[in-house]
Amino acid sequence: MTSKKFDHLIEELEDQFHALQSKMTKARDSYIVRHEKDFDKAKKKVNSLKNKLSKEKAKVAKAATATKKSSTQSASNQLKKAKASVSLIGGSLTEAKNIMVTAEDKLKSAKPFDKKLAAREKALKAFEKEWAKKQKDAEIAKKKRAAERKKTQKKPAAKKG
């Protein structure tokens, strides 16, 4: 009875293994693509913030020139606003660059893992193919042995009769 339980456990584990392998195969299909999308998204954000920053710096330069020429409180306030804006965009740019670097690192680490998953998948397919071939050969050999047994059992009976 323990043999039946053990066989049942083995079959259950094999089913779980195949389910897990199929999940890994499906996940692998989108694994690198997802990391590339994250990296591209972060890179676009960095580029847009760089453009905003350069525009704001131009505004600061313009406001600074206006402040020097007029030296009014209004021009001074415009300069302060422009500098604050540049500072805020600079902070956002730094944060976006950090996100981009993290996304790039994840992408770099994903590529070897993807290769590992591909190799594992290839090895498993080769094993399954070889196993199926061995099972088929074993069935053929079993049928041949059964036919041989029938032949040997019929021959002595035919000689006696």
Foldseek 3Di string as FASTA:
>chain_A
DVVVVVVVVVVVVVVVVVVVLVVLVVCLVCVLVVLVVQLVVLVVQLVVLVVVLVVLVVQLVVLVVVCVVPVDPVSVVSNVVSVVVNVVSVVVNVVSVVSNVVSVVSSVVSVVVSVVSVVVSVVVVVVVVVVVVVVVVVVVVVVVVVVVVVVVVVVVVVVVD
